[in-house]
Amino acid sequence: MRLALFSGVTIAALLILWFEWPRMKAKPIKDKAALVSLLLIGWLLTMLDLPNTPGPTTLLEAIFKPFRGLVEK
């Protein structure tokens, strides 16, 4: 499932780049960089398992759990 999703997003990103790049040739470098960076960010986010990623509170609990005995009585 993950491989199919990753492959689909990779193909979609390449197709977007392939169709948009001829129009982008006349645009400045900043516009080209924005297109490539947004596609790259979206492509990289498909590699992460965001719905099952623990949040910042989980990290803070892991850091401060050893100190719980010092603070609570």
C-alpha atoms as a PDB file:
ATOM      1  CA  MET A   1       0.000   0.000   0.000  1.00  0.00           C
ATOM      2  CA  ARG A   2       2.717   2.462   0.965  1.00  0.00           C
ATOM      3  CA  LEU A   3       4.752   1.581  -2.123  1.00  0.00           C
ATOM      4  CA  ALA A   4       1.738   2.125  -4.378  1.00  0.00           C
ATOM      5  CA  LEU A   5       1.030   5.504  -2.785  1.00  0.00           C
ATOM      6  CA  PHE A   6       4.662   6.543  -3.030  1.00  0.00           C
ATOM      7  CA  SER A   7       4.871   5.413  -6.653  1.00  0.00           C
ATOM      8  CA  GLY A   8       1.659   7.232  -7.531  1.00  0.00           C
ATOM      9  CA  VAL A   9       2.825  10.478  -5.966  1.00  0.00           C
ATOM     10  CA  THR A  10       6.215  10.144  -7.680  1.00  0.00           C
ATOM     11  CA  ILE A  11       4.552   9.666 -11.067  1.00  0.00           C
ATOM     12  CA  ALA A  12       2.172  12.569 -10.419  1.00  0.00           C
ATOM     13  CA  ALA A  13       5.029  14.876  -9.403  1.00  0.00           C
ATOM     14  CA  LEU A  14       7.032  13.930 -12.484  1.00  0.00           C
ATOM     15  CA  LEU A  15       4.012  14.501 -14.731  1.00  0.00           C
ATOM     16  CA  ILE A  16       3.382  17.913 -13.172  1.00  0.00           C
ATOM     17  CA  LEU A  17       7.016  18.832 -13.668  1.00  0.00           C
ATOM     18  CA  TRP A  18       6.989  17.521 -17.235  1.00  0.00           C
ATOM     19  CA  PHE A  19       3.858  19.497 -18.218  1.00  0.00           C
ATOM     20  CA  GLU A  20       4.737  22.700 -16.380  1.00  0.00           C
ATOM     21  CA  TRP A  21       8.441  23.011 -17.179  1.00  0.00           C
ATOM     22  CA  PRO A  22       8.014  24.266 -20.789  1.00  0.00           C
ATOM     23  CA  ARG A  23       5.843  27.108 -19.439  1.00  0.00           C
ATOM     24  CA  MET A  24       8.359  27.801 -16.686  1.00  0.00           C
ATOM     25  CA  LYS A  25      11.299  28.351 -19.062  1.00  0.00           C
ATOM     26  CA  ALA A  26      10.351  32.018 -19.511  1.00  0.00           C
ATOM     27  CA  LYS A  27       9.843  32.533 -15.762  1.00  0.00           C
ATOM     28  CA  PRO A  28      12.517  33.710 -13.320  1.00  0.00           C
ATOM     29  CA  ILE A  29      14.651  31.339 -11.282  1.00  0.00           C
ATOM     30  CA  LYS A  30      12.581  32.019  -8.124  1.00  0.00           C
ATOM     31  CA  ASP A  31       9.440  30.666  -9.759  1.00  0.00           C
ATOM     32  CA  LYS A  32      11.256  27.542 -10.927  1.00  0.00           C
ATOM     33  CA  ALA A  33      12.707  27.023  -7.462  1.00  0.00           C
ATOM     34  CA  ALA A  34       9.261  27.448  -5.888  1.00  0.00           C
ATOM     35  CA  LEU A  35       7.735  24.839  -8.203  1.00  0.00           C
ATOM     36  CA  VAL A  36      10.493  22.327  -7.607  1.00  0.00           C
ATOM     37  CA  SER A  37      10.588  22.898  -3.850  1.00  0.00           C
ATOM     38  CA  LEU A  38       6.806  22.513  -3.442  1.00  0.00           C
ATOM     39  CA  LEU A  39       6.834  19.313  -5.469  1.00  0.00           C
ATOM     40  CA  LEU A  40       9.797  18.042  -3.451  1.00  0.00           C
ATOM     41  CA  ILE A  41       8.114  18.843  -0.118  1.00  0.00           C
ATOM     42  CA  GLY A  42       4.947  17.043  -1.181  1.00  0.00           C
ATOM     43  CA  TRP A  43       6.966  14.087  -2.420  1.00  0.00           C
ATOM     44  CA  LEU A  44       8.935  13.878   0.833  1.00  0.00           C
ATOM     45  CA  LEU A  45       5.781  14.075   2.956  1.00  0.00           C
ATOM     46  CA  THR A  46       4.491  10.903   1.289  1.00  0.00           C
ATOM     47  CA  MET A  47       7.382   8.992   2.858  1.00  0.00           C
ATOM     48  CA  LEU A  48       6.247   9.921   6.378  1.00  0.00           C
ATOM     49  CA  ASP A  49       3.483   8.127   8.238  1.00  0.00           C
ATOM     50  CA  LEU A  50       1.897  11.355   9.466  1.00  0.00           C
ATOM     51  CA  PRO A  51      -1.364   9.958  10.920  1.00  0.00           C
ATOM     52  CA  ASN A  52       0.613   7.625  13.196  1.00  0.00           C
ATOM     53  CA  THR A  53       3.446  10.008  14.072  1.00  0.00           C
ATOM     54  CA  PRO A  54       3.543  10.915  17.770  1.00  0.00           C
ATOM     55  CA  GLY A  55       3.124  14.569  18.576  1.00  0.00           C
ATOM     56  CA  PRO A  56       5.231  16.980  20.601  1.00  0.00           C
ATOM     57  CA  THR A  57       3.534  16.054  23.880  1.00  0.00           C
ATOM     58  CA  THR A  58       4.805  12.492  23.512  1.00  0.00           C
ATOM     59  CA  LEU A  59       8.337  13.816  23.144  1.00  0.00           C
ATOM     60  CA  LEU A  60       7.989  16.038  26.208  1.00  0.00           C
ATOM     61  CA  GLU A  61       6.587  13.152  28.252  1.00  0.00           C
ATOM     62  CA  ALA A  62       9.558  10.995  27.286  1.00  0.00           C
ATOM     63  CA  ILE A  63      12.016  13.738  28.268  1.00  0.00           C
ATOM     64  CA  PHE A  64      10.466  14.678  31.597  1.00  0.00           C
ATOM     65  CA  LYS A  65       9.253  11.236  32.756  1.00  0.00           C
ATOM     66  CA  PRO A  66      12.444  10.546  34.767  1.00  0.00           C
ATOM     67  CA  PHE A  67      11.934  13.791  36.714  1.00  0.00           C
ATOM     68  CA  ARG A  68       8.345  12.957  37.720  1.00  0.00           C
ATOM     69  CA  GLY A  69       9.457  11.629  41.106  1.00  0.00           C
ATOM     70  CA  LEU A  70      11.271  14.866  41.931  1.00  0.00           C
ATOM     71  CA  VAL A  71       8.303  17.089  41.152  1.00  0.00           C
ATOM     72  CA  GLU A  72       5.337  15.075  42.433  1.00  0.00           C
ATOM     73  CA  LYS A  73       4.842  14.126  46.063  1.00  0.00           C
END
